[in-house]
Amino acid sequence: MVSSHDIKDAAGPASKPRGRPRSFDRETALEKAILAFWEHGYEATSVSDLTQVMGIGAPSLYAAFGDKRSLFEEVVREYGARYGSFGDRALAEEPTARAAVERMLREAAAEYTEPGRPHGCLVVHAATNCTTPEVEESLRDRRNANIAAFESRIRADVAAGELPADTDAAALARHTGAMIQGMSQQARDGAAKEELEALAELAMRIWPRS
């Protein structure tokens, strides 16, 4: 009688149990998605483009990130944390609105022209030619929230006597937003850091003195 042990030996070494397939590095894949959307915008970046640059198949993309729009929402949040937080830091750390905006524009000149990654701001550029209403609205809301934060800080400085009482806080905030958005586009058009710094310096000359 042949024992089960003999059968096992005759068959050779027992095969190893099949383990779970090696999963991809989610953070690395997300970073590649950020760069793709940053470079090409939302509309022009297809799921096929994303799977290619992220190095994963479509089923893995959908399982890990959801659909393209869900992935983009995560990309925008991560972009803000990794690359776009310099404005929030300036508003939080500088003693006056003027100092915060001056620092913000100066740092934007550096951030928007940093070698080795797409130029400009993802939140500004990704809206270009966007035909998906929900995405367009979300990006617009983010830009408008930034302008609202500028206005709130300017009004606080008016109340504290740091700026003249007749300062048009809304117009000054929109001017700051226009500068940030314009610097982003000019960076994509090839403007150098030094050129944007000169633009930032000119922009600050319109600020009223207390």
N, C-alpha and C. Protein backbone atom coordinates (compact mmCIF):
# COMPACT_ATOMS: atom_id res chain seq x y z
N MET A 1 0.86 -1.20 0.00
CA MET A 1 0.00 0.00 0.00
C MET A 1 0.89 1.23 0.00
N VAL A 2 0.61 2.17 -0.86
CA VAL A 2 1.41 3.38 -0.99
C VAL A 2 0.83 4.44 -0.06
N SER A 3 1.70 4.96 0.78
CA SER A 3 1.22 5.97 1.73
C SER A 3 1.13 7.33 1.05
N SER A 4 0.38 8.19 1.68
CA SER A 4 0.28 9.57 1.16
C SER A 4 1.64 10.23 1.20
N HIS A 5 2.49 9.81 2.15
CA HIS A 5 3.83 10.39 2.24
C HIS A 5 4.64 10.02 1.00
N ASP A 6 4.48 8.74 0.55
CA ASP A 6 5.20 8.29 -0.65
C ASP A 6 4.74 9.03 -1.88
N ILE A 7 3.42 9.28 -1.97
CA ILE A 7 2.89 9.99 -3.13
C ILE A 7 3.45 11.41 -3.16
N LYS A 8 3.51 12.03 -1.99
CA LYS A 8 4.04 13.40 -1.91
C LYS A 8 5.49 13.43 -2.35
N ASP A 9 6.29 12.41 -1.87
CA ASP A 9 7.69 12.38 -2.24
C ASP A 9 7.86 12.13 -3.73
N ALA A 10 7.02 11.25 -4.29
CA ALA A 10 7.13 10.94 -5.71
C ALA A 10 6.81 12.13 -6.57
N ALA A 11 5.96 12.97 -6.09
CA ALA A 11 5.55 14.13 -6.87
C ALA A 11 6.56 15.25 -6.80
N GLY A 12 7.58 15.08 -5.96
CA GLY A 12 8.57 16.13 -5.82
C GLY A 12 8.17 17.06 -4.70
N PRO A 13 8.93 18.14 -4.51
CA PRO A 13 8.66 19.08 -3.42
C PRO A 13 7.26 19.65 -3.53
N ALA A 14 6.65 19.80 -2.41
CA ALA A 14 5.30 20.38 -2.41
C ALA A 14 5.34 21.80 -2.91
N SER A 15 4.39 22.18 -3.72
CA SER A 15 4.36 23.55 -4.24
C SER A 15 3.97 24.50 -3.12
N LYS A 16 4.57 25.69 -3.14
CA LYS A 16 4.27 26.68 -2.12
C LYS A 16 2.87 27.24 -2.34
N PRO A 17 2.17 27.49 -1.27
CA PRO A 17 0.83 28.09 -1.45
C PRO A 17 0.94 29.43 -2.15
N ARG A 18 0.01 29.65 -3.03
CA ARG A 18 0.03 30.90 -3.80
C ARG A 18 -0.33 32.07 -2.88
N GLY A 19 0.54 33.06 -2.82
CA GLY A 19 0.29 34.22 -1.98
C GLY A 19 -0.44 35.31 -2.76
N ARG A 20 -0.73 36.40 -2.06
CA ARG A 20 -1.38 37.54 -2.74
C ARG A 20 -0.41 38.16 -3.72
N PRO A 21 -0.89 38.61 -4.86
CA PRO A 21 0.01 39.27 -5.80
C PRO A 21 0.63 40.51 -5.17
N ARG A 22 1.84 40.80 -5.55
CA ARG A 22 2.53 41.96 -5.00
C ARG A 22 1.75 43.22 -5.36
N SER A 23 1.43 44.00 -4.35
CA SER A 23 0.68 45.22 -4.62
C SER A 23 1.64 46.34 -5.01
N PHE A 24 1.13 47.31 -5.75
CA PHE A 24 1.95 48.44 -6.16
C PHE A 24 2.07 49.42 -5.00
N ASP A 25 3.04 50.30 -5.12
CA ASP A 25 3.24 51.34 -4.12
C ASP A 25 2.23 52.45 -4.38
N ARG A 26 1.24 52.56 -3.52
CA ARG A 26 0.15 53.51 -3.75
C ARG A 26 0.64 54.95 -3.78
N GLU A 27 1.56 55.30 -2.88
CA GLU A 27 2.06 56.67 -2.80
C GLU A 27 2.82 57.05 -4.07
N THR A 28 3.62 56.12 -4.56
CA THR A 28 4.37 56.38 -5.79
C THR A 28 3.42 56.55 -6.97
N ALA A 29 2.41 55.69 -7.04
CA ALA A 29 1.43 55.78 -8.12
C ALA A 29 0.67 57.10 -8.06
N LEU A 30 0.32 57.52 -6.84
CA LEU A 30 -0.42 58.78 -6.66
C LEU A 30 0.44 59.96 -7.09
N GLU A 31 1.71 59.94 -6.73
CA GLU A 31 2.61 61.03 -7.13
C GLU A 31 2.69 61.12 -8.66
N LYS A 32 2.73 59.99 -9.32
CA LYS A 32 2.78 60.00 -10.79
C LYS A 32 1.49 60.54 -11.39
N ALA A 33 0.37 60.25 -10.72
CA ALA A 33 -0.91 60.80 -11.17
C ALA A 33 -0.94 62.31 -10.99
N ILE A 34 -0.39 62.78 -9.86
CA ILE A 34 -0.31 64.23 -9.63
C ILE A 34 0.44 64.90 -10.77
N LEU A 35 1.59 64.35 -11.11
CA LEU A 35 2.42 64.95 -12.17
C LEU A 35 1.71 64.91 -13.52
N ALA A 36 0.97 63.83 -13.79
CA ALA A 36 0.26 63.73 -15.07
C ALA A 36 -0.84 64.78 -15.18
N PHE A 37 -1.67 64.89 -14.15
CA PHE A 37 -2.74 65.89 -14.18
C PHE A 37 -2.15 67.31 -14.17
N TRP A 38 -1.07 67.49 -13.46
CA TRP A 38 -0.42 68.80 -13.37
C TRP A 38 0.10 69.23 -14.73
N GLU A 39 0.66 68.28 -15.45
CA GLU A 39 1.24 68.59 -16.76
C GLU A 39 0.18 68.79 -17.83
N HIS A 40 -0.84 67.94 -17.84
CA HIS A 40 -1.78 67.91 -18.97
C HIS A 40 -3.17 68.44 -18.66
N GLY A 41 -3.50 68.64 -17.38
CA GLY A 41 -4.84 69.07 -17.03
C GLY A 41 -5.78 67.89 -16.87
N TYR A 42 -6.99 68.15 -16.41
CA TYR A 42 -7.94 67.07 -16.15
C TYR A 42 -8.45 66.45 -17.44
N GLU A 43 -8.93 67.29 -18.33
CA GLU A 43 -9.63 66.78 -19.51
C GLU A 43 -8.70 65.99 -20.44
N ALA A 44 -7.48 66.46 -20.60
CA ALA A 44 -6.56 65.84 -21.56
C ALA A 44 -5.85 64.61 -21.01
N THR A 45 -6.06 64.28 -19.75
CA THR A 45 -5.42 63.10 -19.15
C THR A 45 -6.45 61.98 -19.11
N SER A 46 -6.22 60.94 -19.91
CA SER A 46 -7.16 59.83 -19.99
C SER A 46 -6.82 58.75 -18.98
N VAL A 47 -7.74 57.84 -18.76
CA VAL A 47 -7.47 56.69 -17.87
C VAL A 47 -6.31 55.88 -18.43
N SER A 48 -6.25 55.75 -19.75
CA SER A 48 -5.14 55.04 -20.38
C SER A 48 -3.81 55.72 -20.07
N ASP A 49 -3.79 57.05 -20.16
CA ASP A 49 -2.58 57.81 -19.81
C ASP A 49 -2.18 57.53 -18.36
N LEU A 50 -3.17 57.53 -17.49
CA LEU A 50 -2.91 57.34 -16.06
C LEU A 50 -2.35 55.96 -15.76
N THR A 51 -2.96 54.92 -16.33
CA THR A 51 -2.45 53.57 -16.07
C THR A 51 -1.03 53.42 -16.59
N GLN A 52 -0.73 54.08 -17.69
CA GLN A 52 0.62 53.99 -18.25
C GLN A 52 1.65 54.65 -17.34
N VAL A 53 1.36 55.88 -16.91
CA VAL A 53 2.35 56.60 -16.09
C VAL A 53 2.41 56.04 -14.66
N MET A 54 1.28 55.52 -14.17
CA MET A 54 1.25 54.99 -12.81
C MET A 54 1.79 53.57 -12.74
N GLY A 55 1.89 52.91 -13.90
CA GLY A 55 2.43 51.56 -13.93
C GLY A 55 1.49 50.51 -13.37
N ILE A 56 0.18 50.74 -13.50
CA ILE A 56 -0.81 49.78 -13.00
C ILE A 56 -1.89 49.58 -14.05
N GLY A 57 -2.63 48.49 -13.92
CA GLY A 57 -3.73 48.25 -14.82
C GLY A 57 -4.98 49.01 -14.39
N ALA A 58 -5.92 49.11 -15.31
CA ALA A 58 -7.16 49.82 -15.00
C ALA A 58 -7.90 49.22 -13.81
N PRO A 59 -7.99 47.88 -13.68
CA PRO A 59 -8.69 47.34 -12.50
C PRO A 59 -8.04 47.76 -11.18
N SER A 60 -6.69 47.80 -11.16
CA SER A 60 -6.00 48.23 -9.94
C SER A 60 -6.26 49.70 -9.65
N LEU A 61 -6.30 50.51 -10.72
CA LEU A 61 -6.57 51.94 -10.53
C LEU A 61 -7.95 52.15 -9.93
N TYR A 62 -8.95 51.47 -10.51
CA TYR A 62 -10.32 51.64 -10.02
C TYR A 62 -10.47 51.11 -8.60
N ALA A 63 -9.78 49.99 -8.29
CA ALA A 63 -9.88 49.41 -6.95
C ALA A 63 -9.23 50.31 -5.90
N ALA A 64 -8.13 50.94 -6.26
CA ALA A 64 -7.37 51.73 -5.28
C ALA A 64 -7.84 53.17 -5.18
N PHE A 65 -8.29 53.74 -6.30
CA PHE A 65 -8.59 55.17 -6.32
C PHE A 65 -10.01 55.52 -6.75
N GLY A 66 -10.77 54.54 -7.22
CA GLY A 66 -12.08 54.86 -7.77
C GLY A 66 -11.95 55.27 -9.22
N ASP A 67 -12.92 56.03 -9.72
CA ASP A 67 -12.86 56.44 -11.12
C ASP A 67 -11.91 57.63 -11.29
N LYS A 68 -11.81 58.11 -12.52
CA LYS A 68 -10.88 59.20 -12.82
C LYS A 68 -11.17 60.44 -11.99
N ARG A 69 -12.44 60.77 -11.83
CA ARG A 69 -12.77 61.97 -11.07
C ARG A 69 -12.41 61.82 -9.60
N SER A 70 -12.66 60.64 -9.04
CA SER A 70 -12.29 60.40 -7.63
C SER A 70 -10.78 60.49 -7.45
N LEU A 71 -10.04 59.92 -8.41
CA LEU A 71 -8.58 60.01 -8.36
C LEU A 71 -8.15 61.47 -8.42
N PHE A 72 -8.78 62.24 -9.29
CA PHE A 72 -8.39 63.64 -9.43
C PHE A 72 -8.67 64.42 -8.15
N GLU A 73 -9.78 64.13 -7.49
CA GLU A 73 -10.08 64.81 -6.23
C GLU A 73 -8.99 64.54 -5.20
N GLU A 74 -8.52 63.29 -5.15
CA GLU A 74 -7.43 62.96 -4.23
C GLU A 74 -6.14 63.65 -4.65
N VAL A 75 -5.90 63.68 -5.96
CA VAL A 75 -4.71 64.36 -6.50
C VAL A 75 -4.69 65.83 -6.07
N VAL A 76 -5.82 66.51 -6.19
CA VAL A 76 -5.88 67.93 -5.83
C VAL A 76 -5.59 68.12 -4.35
N ARG A 77 -6.15 67.25 -3.51
CA ARG A 77 -5.87 67.36 -2.07
C ARG A 77 -4.39 67.14 -1.78
N GLU A 78 -3.82 66.12 -2.39
CA GLU A 78 -2.41 65.82 -2.16
C GLU A 78 -1.50 66.89 -2.74
N TYR A 79 -1.87 67.41 -3.90
CA TYR A 79 -1.09 68.50 -4.49
C TYR A 79 -1.05 69.68 -3.52
N GLY A 80 -2.21 70.00 -2.94
CA GLY A 80 -2.26 71.10 -2.00
C GLY A 80 -1.35 70.88 -0.81
N ALA A 81 -1.29 69.65 -0.32
CA ALA A 81 -0.45 69.35 0.84
C ALA A 81 1.03 69.32 0.48
N ARG A 82 1.35 68.78 -0.69
CA ARG A 82 2.76 68.57 -1.05
C ARG A 82 3.40 69.77 -1.73
N TYR A 83 2.62 70.47 -2.54
CA TYR A 83 3.21 71.53 -3.37
C TYR A 83 2.53 72.89 -3.22
N GLY A 84 1.28 72.91 -2.84
CA GLY A 84 0.52 74.16 -2.86
C GLY A 84 0.28 74.81 -1.52
N SER A 85 0.95 74.34 -0.47
CA SER A 85 0.65 74.84 0.87
C SER A 85 1.43 76.09 1.24
N PHE A 86 2.29 76.58 0.33
CA PHE A 86 3.12 77.74 0.69
C PHE A 86 2.26 78.98 0.96
N GLY A 87 1.15 79.11 0.26
CA GLY A 87 0.27 80.27 0.48
C GLY A 87 -0.38 80.24 1.85
N ASP A 88 -0.88 79.07 2.25
CA ASP A 88 -1.49 78.94 3.58
C ASP A 88 -0.47 79.21 4.67
N ARG A 89 0.75 78.72 4.48
CA ARG A 89 1.79 78.93 5.49
C ARG A 89 2.12 80.42 5.62
N ALA A 90 2.20 81.10 4.49
CA ALA A 90 2.51 82.54 4.52
C ALA A 90 1.42 83.30 5.28
N LEU A 91 0.15 82.98 5.00
CA LEU A 91 -0.95 83.67 5.68
C LEU A 91 -0.93 83.38 7.18
N ALA A 92 -0.54 82.15 7.54
CA ALA A 92 -0.56 81.76 8.95
C ALA A 92 0.64 82.30 9.72
N GLU A 93 1.77 82.44 9.06
CA GLU A 93 3.01 82.73 9.78
C GLU A 93 3.45 84.20 9.75
N GLU A 94 3.03 84.93 8.72
CA GLU A 94 3.48 86.32 8.63
C GLU A 94 2.62 87.25 9.48
N PRO A 95 3.19 88.32 10.02
CA PRO A 95 2.45 89.17 10.96
C PRO A 95 1.40 90.06 10.30
N THR A 96 1.54 90.35 9.01
CA THR A 96 0.57 91.21 8.33
C THR A 96 0.17 90.61 6.99
N ALA A 97 -0.96 91.09 6.46
CA ALA A 97 -1.41 90.62 5.14
C ALA A 97 -0.39 90.99 4.07
N ARG A 98 0.15 92.18 4.17
CA ARG A 98 1.14 92.62 3.19
C ARG A 98 2.36 91.69 3.17
N ALA A 99 2.88 91.39 4.36
CA ALA A 99 4.04 90.51 4.45
C ALA A 99 3.70 89.10 3.94
N ALA A 100 2.48 88.65 4.23
CA ALA A 100 2.07 87.32 3.80
C ALA A 100 1.97 87.24 2.27
N VAL A 101 1.36 88.25 1.66
CA VAL A 101 1.21 88.24 0.21
C VAL A 101 2.56 88.40 -0.48
N GLU A 102 3.40 89.26 0.06
CA GLU A 102 4.73 89.45 -0.52
C GLU A 102 5.51 88.13 -0.50
N ARG A 103 5.46 87.44 0.62
CA ARG A 103 6.14 86.13 0.71
C ARG A 103 5.50 85.12 -0.23
N MET A 104 4.17 85.11 -0.29
CA MET A 104 3.45 84.17 -1.14
C MET A 104 3.83 84.33 -2.61
N LEU A 105 3.88 85.57 -3.08
CA LEU A 105 4.22 85.82 -4.48
C LEU A 105 5.68 85.45 -4.75
N ARG A 106 6.53 85.75 -3.81
CA ARG A 106 7.95 85.40 -3.98
C ARG A 106 8.14 83.88 -4.04
N GLU A 107 7.44 83.18 -3.15
CA GLU A 107 7.56 81.72 -3.14
C GLU A 107 6.87 81.10 -4.35
N ALA A 108 5.80 81.73 -4.83
CA ALA A 108 5.15 81.24 -6.04
C ALA A 108 6.10 81.29 -7.23
N ALA A 109 6.90 82.36 -7.30
CA ALA A 109 7.87 82.48 -8.39
C ALA A 109 8.83 81.30 -8.39
N ALA A 110 9.22 80.85 -7.20
CA ALA A 110 10.13 79.70 -7.10
C ALA A 110 9.40 78.38 -7.33
N GLU A 111 8.24 78.22 -6.69
CA GLU A 111 7.50 76.96 -6.80
C GLU A 111 7.02 76.70 -8.22
N TYR A 112 6.56 77.74 -8.89
CA TYR A 112 5.99 77.56 -10.22
C TYR A 112 7.03 77.33 -11.31
N THR A 113 8.29 77.53 -10.99
CA THR A 113 9.36 77.34 -11.98
C THR A 113 10.37 76.29 -11.52
N GLU A 114 10.03 75.53 -10.49
CA GLU A 114 10.95 74.52 -9.95
C GLU A 114 11.33 73.51 -11.04
N PRO A 115 12.62 73.30 -11.27
CA PRO A 115 13.05 72.33 -12.29
C PRO A 115 12.61 70.91 -11.93
N GLY A 116 12.38 70.11 -12.94
CA GLY A 116 12.10 68.70 -12.72
C GLY A 116 10.65 68.35 -12.49
N ARG A 117 9.76 69.32 -12.58
CA ARG A 117 8.34 69.03 -12.44
C ARG A 117 7.55 70.04 -13.26
N PRO A 118 6.26 69.78 -13.50
CA PRO A 118 5.48 70.71 -14.31
C PRO A 118 5.48 72.12 -13.71
N HIS A 119 5.44 73.11 -14.58
CA HIS A 119 5.44 74.50 -14.11
C HIS A 119 4.01 74.98 -13.85
N GLY A 120 3.93 76.05 -13.07
CA GLY A 120 2.62 76.62 -12.76
C GLY A 120 1.92 75.88 -11.64
N CYS A 121 0.63 76.16 -11.51
CA CYS A 121 -0.21 75.61 -10.44
C CYS A 121 -1.20 74.60 -11.01
N LEU A 122 -1.27 73.43 -10.43
CA LEU A 122 -2.19 72.40 -10.92
C LEU A 122 -3.64 72.88 -10.85
N VAL A 123 -4.01 73.55 -9.78
CA VAL A 123 -5.41 73.96 -9.59
C VAL A 123 -5.82 74.99 -10.65
N VAL A 124 -4.87 75.78 -11.11
CA VAL A 124 -5.15 76.75 -12.18
C VAL A 124 -5.15 76.05 -13.53
N HIS A 125 -4.11 75.26 -13.79
CA HIS A 125 -3.94 74.67 -15.12
C HIS A 125 -4.95 73.56 -15.41
N ALA A 126 -5.30 72.77 -14.40
CA ALA A 126 -6.18 71.62 -14.64
C ALA A 126 -7.57 72.05 -15.09
N ALA A 127 -7.93 73.30 -14.84
CA ALA A 127 -9.25 73.79 -15.25
C ALA A 127 -9.30 74.19 -16.72
N THR A 128 -8.15 74.29 -17.36
CA THR A 128 -8.10 74.72 -18.76
C THR A 128 -8.84 73.72 -19.64
N ASN A 129 -9.77 74.21 -20.44
CA ASN A 129 -10.55 73.39 -21.37
C ASN A 129 -11.31 72.25 -20.68
N CYS A 130 -11.59 72.42 -19.41
CA CYS A 130 -12.32 71.39 -18.66
C CYS A 130 -13.80 71.45 -19.02
N THR A 131 -14.36 70.31 -19.42
CA THR A 131 -15.78 70.26 -19.79
C THR A 131 -16.60 69.42 -18.81
N THR A 132 -15.98 69.04 -17.70
CA THR A 132 -16.70 68.28 -16.67
C THR A 132 -17.15 69.26 -15.60
N PRO A 133 -18.45 69.57 -15.54
CA PRO A 133 -18.93 70.64 -14.66
C PRO A 133 -18.53 70.48 -13.20
N GLU A 134 -18.59 69.25 -12.68
CA GLU A 134 -18.27 69.03 -11.26
C GLU A 134 -16.81 69.35 -10.97
N VAL A 135 -15.92 68.98 -11.88
CA VAL A 135 -14.49 69.25 -11.70
C VAL A 135 -14.23 70.74 -11.82
N GLU A 136 -14.83 71.35 -12.83
CA GLU A 136 -14.65 72.79 -13.04
C GLU A 136 -15.13 73.57 -11.82
N GLU A 137 -16.27 73.17 -11.27
CA GLU A 137 -16.83 73.87 -10.11
C GLU A 137 -15.93 73.69 -8.89
N SER A 138 -15.42 72.47 -8.70
CA SER A 138 -14.56 72.19 -7.54
C SER A 138 -13.29 73.03 -7.59
N LEU A 139 -12.68 73.12 -8.77
CA LEU A 139 -11.45 73.92 -8.90
C LEU A 139 -11.75 75.41 -8.72
N ARG A 140 -12.88 75.86 -9.27
CA ARG A 140 -13.27 77.27 -9.10
C ARG A 140 -13.50 77.59 -7.63
N ASP A 141 -14.14 76.66 -6.91
CA ASP A 141 -14.39 76.88 -5.49
C ASP A 141 -13.07 77.00 -4.72
N ARG A 142 -12.08 76.20 -5.09
CA ARG A 142 -10.78 76.29 -4.41
C ARG A 142 -10.12 77.63 -4.67
N ARG A 143 -10.17 78.10 -5.90
CA ARG A 143 -9.55 79.39 -6.22
C ARG A 143 -10.29 80.52 -5.50
N ASN A 144 -11.61 80.45 -5.48
CA ASN A 144 -12.39 81.49 -4.80
C ASN A 144 -12.16 81.45 -3.28
N ALA A 145 -11.96 80.25 -2.73
CA ALA A 145 -11.67 80.14 -1.30
C ALA A 145 -10.34 80.82 -0.96
N ASN A 146 -9.38 80.71 -1.86
CA ASN A 146 -8.10 81.39 -1.65
C ASN A 146 -8.29 82.90 -1.61
N ILE A 147 -9.08 83.42 -2.55
CA ILE A 147 -9.33 84.86 -2.59
C ILE A 147 -10.07 85.31 -1.33
N ALA A 148 -11.01 84.49 -0.89
CA ALA A 148 -11.74 84.81 0.35
C ALA A 148 -10.79 84.85 1.55
N ALA A 149 -9.81 83.96 1.57
CA ALA A 149 -8.83 83.95 2.67
C ALA A 149 -7.97 85.21 2.63
N PHE A 150 -7.60 85.63 1.41
CA PHE A 150 -6.83 86.89 1.29
C PHE A 150 -7.65 88.06 1.82
N GLU A 151 -8.91 88.11 1.40
CA GLU A 151 -9.77 89.23 1.81
C GLU A 151 -9.96 89.26 3.32
N SER A 152 -10.15 88.09 3.92
CA SER A 152 -10.33 88.03 5.37
C SER A 152 -9.10 88.56 6.10
N ARG A 153 -7.94 88.18 5.60
CA ARG A 153 -6.70 88.64 6.25
C ARG A 153 -6.51 90.15 6.06
N ILE A 154 -6.85 90.66 4.88
CA ILE A 154 -6.73 92.10 4.62
C ILE A 154 -7.69 92.88 5.51
N ARG A 155 -8.93 92.40 5.64
CA ARG A 155 -9.90 93.09 6.49
C ARG A 155 -9.44 93.10 7.95
N ALA A 156 -8.81 92.02 8.38
CA ALA A 156 -8.29 91.98 9.75
C ALA A 156 -7.22 93.04 9.96
N ASP A 157 -6.39 93.26 8.93
CA ASP A 157 -5.34 94.27 9.03
C ASP A 157 -5.92 95.68 9.00
N VAL A 158 -7.00 95.88 8.26
CA VAL A 158 -7.68 97.18 8.26
C VAL A 158 -8.22 97.46 9.66
N ALA A 159 -8.85 96.46 10.25
CA ALA A 159 -9.42 96.62 11.59
C ALA A 159 -8.34 96.89 12.64
N ALA A 160 -7.15 96.32 12.40
CA ALA A 160 -6.05 96.49 13.36
C ALA A 160 -5.23 97.74 13.10
N GLY A 161 -5.58 98.49 12.05
CA GLY A 161 -4.84 99.70 11.74
C GLY A 161 -3.56 99.47 10.96
N GLU A 162 -3.35 98.23 10.49
CA GLU A 162 -2.16 97.93 9.68
C GLU A 162 -2.31 98.45 8.25
N LEU A 163 -3.56 98.60 7.82
CA LEU A 163 -3.87 99.15 6.50
C LEU A 163 -4.88 100.28 6.68
N PRO A 164 -4.90 101.26 5.75
CA PRO A 164 -5.84 102.38 5.87
C PRO A 164 -7.29 101.93 5.92
N ALA A 165 -8.11 102.69 6.60
CA ALA A 165 -9.52 102.34 6.78
C ALA A 165 -10.27 102.27 5.46
N ASP A 166 -9.83 103.04 4.45
CA ASP A 166 -10.54 103.04 3.17
C ASP A 166 -9.98 102.01 2.18
N THR A 167 -9.17 101.08 2.64
CA THR A 167 -8.63 100.04 1.76
C THR A 167 -9.77 99.19 1.20
N ASP A 168 -9.76 98.97 -0.10
CA ASP A 168 -10.76 98.10 -0.75
C ASP A 168 -10.26 96.66 -0.63
N ALA A 169 -10.68 96.01 0.45
CA ALA A 169 -10.16 94.67 0.74
C ALA A 169 -10.52 93.66 -0.35
N ALA A 170 -11.74 93.76 -0.88
CA ALA A 170 -12.17 92.80 -1.90
C ALA A 170 -11.33 92.95 -3.17
N ALA A 171 -11.11 94.20 -3.59
CA ALA A 171 -10.33 94.43 -4.82
C ALA A 171 -8.87 94.01 -4.62
N LEU A 172 -8.32 94.29 -3.45
CA LEU A 172 -6.93 93.93 -3.18
C LEU A 172 -6.76 92.41 -3.14
N ALA A 173 -7.76 91.73 -2.59
CA ALA A 173 -7.73 90.27 -2.55
C ALA A 173 -7.81 89.69 -3.96
N ARG A 174 -8.68 90.27 -4.79
CA ARG A 174 -8.80 89.77 -6.17
C ARG A 174 -7.53 90.07 -6.97
N HIS A 175 -6.90 91.19 -6.68
CA HIS A 175 -5.64 91.51 -7.33
C HIS A 175 -4.60 90.44 -6.99
N THR A 176 -4.56 90.04 -5.73
CA THR A 176 -3.62 89.00 -5.31
C THR A 176 -3.93 87.68 -6.02
N GLY A 177 -5.21 87.32 -6.09
CA GLY A 177 -5.60 86.10 -6.80
C GLY A 177 -5.22 86.15 -8.27
N ALA A 178 -5.43 87.31 -8.89
CA ALA A 178 -5.08 87.47 -10.31
C ALA A 178 -3.57 87.33 -10.52
N MET A 179 -2.80 87.84 -9.58
CA MET A 179 -1.34 87.72 -9.69
C MET A 179 -0.90 86.27 -9.59
N ILE A 180 -1.45 85.55 -8.62
CA ILE A 180 -1.09 84.14 -8.45
C ILE A 180 -1.45 83.34 -9.71
N GLN A 181 -2.67 83.55 -10.21
CA GLN A 181 -3.11 82.81 -11.39
C GLN A 181 -2.31 83.21 -12.63
N GLY A 182 -2.03 84.50 -12.75
CA GLY A 182 -1.25 84.97 -13.90
C GLY A 182 0.18 84.47 -13.86
N MET A 183 0.78 84.43 -12.68
CA MET A 183 2.14 83.91 -12.55
C MET A 183 2.19 82.43 -12.92
N SER A 184 1.13 81.70 -12.57
CA SER A 184 1.07 80.29 -12.93
C SER A 184 1.10 80.12 -14.45
N GLN A 185 0.27 80.89 -15.14
CA GLN A 185 0.22 80.77 -16.60
C GLN A 185 1.53 81.22 -17.24
N GLN A 186 2.10 82.28 -16.73
CA GLN A 186 3.35 82.76 -17.31
C GLN A 186 4.48 81.77 -17.08
N ALA A 187 4.46 81.08 -15.94
CA ALA A 187 5.46 80.04 -15.69
C ALA A 187 5.32 78.92 -16.72
N ARG A 188 4.09 78.56 -17.04
CA ARG A 188 3.87 77.52 -18.05
C ARG A 188 4.29 78.00 -19.43
N ASP A 189 4.23 79.30 -19.64
CA ASP A 189 4.64 79.86 -20.93
C ASP A 189 6.15 80.10 -21.01
N GLY A 190 6.86 79.75 -19.93
CA GLY A 190 8.31 79.82 -19.99
C GLY A 190 8.97 80.92 -19.20
N ALA A 191 8.20 81.72 -18.45
CA ALA A 191 8.81 82.78 -17.65
C ALA A 191 9.74 82.18 -16.60
N ALA A 192 10.88 82.80 -16.40
CA ALA A 192 11.86 82.33 -15.43
C ALA A 192 11.51 82.82 -14.03
N LYS A 193 12.11 82.19 -13.05
CA LYS A 193 11.89 82.57 -11.65
C LYS A 193 12.16 84.06 -11.44
N GLU A 194 13.28 84.54 -11.99
CA GLU A 194 13.66 85.95 -11.80
C GLU A 194 12.63 86.89 -12.42
N GLU A 195 12.07 86.51 -13.54
CA GLU A 195 11.04 87.34 -14.19
C GLU A 195 9.79 87.40 -13.34
N LEU A 196 9.41 86.28 -12.75
CA LEU A 196 8.22 86.27 -11.89
C LEU A 196 8.47 87.02 -10.59
N GLU A 197 9.69 86.95 -10.09
CA GLU A 197 10.02 87.71 -8.88
C GLU A 197 9.91 89.21 -9.14
N ALA A 198 10.35 89.64 -10.32
CA ALA A 198 10.23 91.06 -10.68
C ALA A 198 8.76 91.46 -10.78
N LEU A 199 7.95 90.57 -11.31
CA LEU A 199 6.51 90.82 -11.41
C LEU A 199 5.89 90.93 -10.01
N ALA A 200 6.30 90.05 -9.11
CA ALA A 200 5.80 90.08 -7.73
C ALA A 200 6.16 91.39 -7.05
N GLU A 201 7.37 91.85 -7.29
CA GLU A 201 7.80 93.11 -6.68
C GLU A 201 6.96 94.28 -7.18
N LEU A 202 6.66 94.30 -8.46
CA LEU A 202 5.80 95.35 -9.01
C LEU A 202 4.39 95.27 -8.42
N ALA A 203 3.90 94.04 -8.25
CA ALA A 203 2.54 93.85 -7.74
C ALA A 203 2.39 94.43 -6.34
N MET A 204 3.44 94.36 -5.53
CA MET A 204 3.35 94.85 -4.16
C MET A 204 3.36 96.37 -4.07
N ARG A 205 3.74 97.05 -5.14
CA ARG A 205 3.82 98.52 -5.09
C ARG A 205 2.44 99.17 -5.01
N ILE A 206 1.40 98.44 -5.38
CA ILE A 206 0.06 99.04 -5.32
C ILE A 206 -0.53 98.96 -3.92
N TRP A 207 0.11 98.18 -3.04
CA TRP A 207 -0.46 98.01 -1.69
C TRP A 207 -0.41 99.33 -0.93
N PRO A 208 -1.52 99.69 -0.29
CA PRO A 208 -1.55 100.94 0.47
C PRO A 208 -0.70 100.85 1.74
N ARG A 209 -0.20 101.97 2.15
CA ARG A 209 0.55 102.05 3.39
C ARG A 209 -0.35 102.61 4.49
N SER A 210 -0.15 102.12 5.69
CA SER A 210 -0.97 102.60 6.82
C SER A 210 -0.55 104.02 7.20
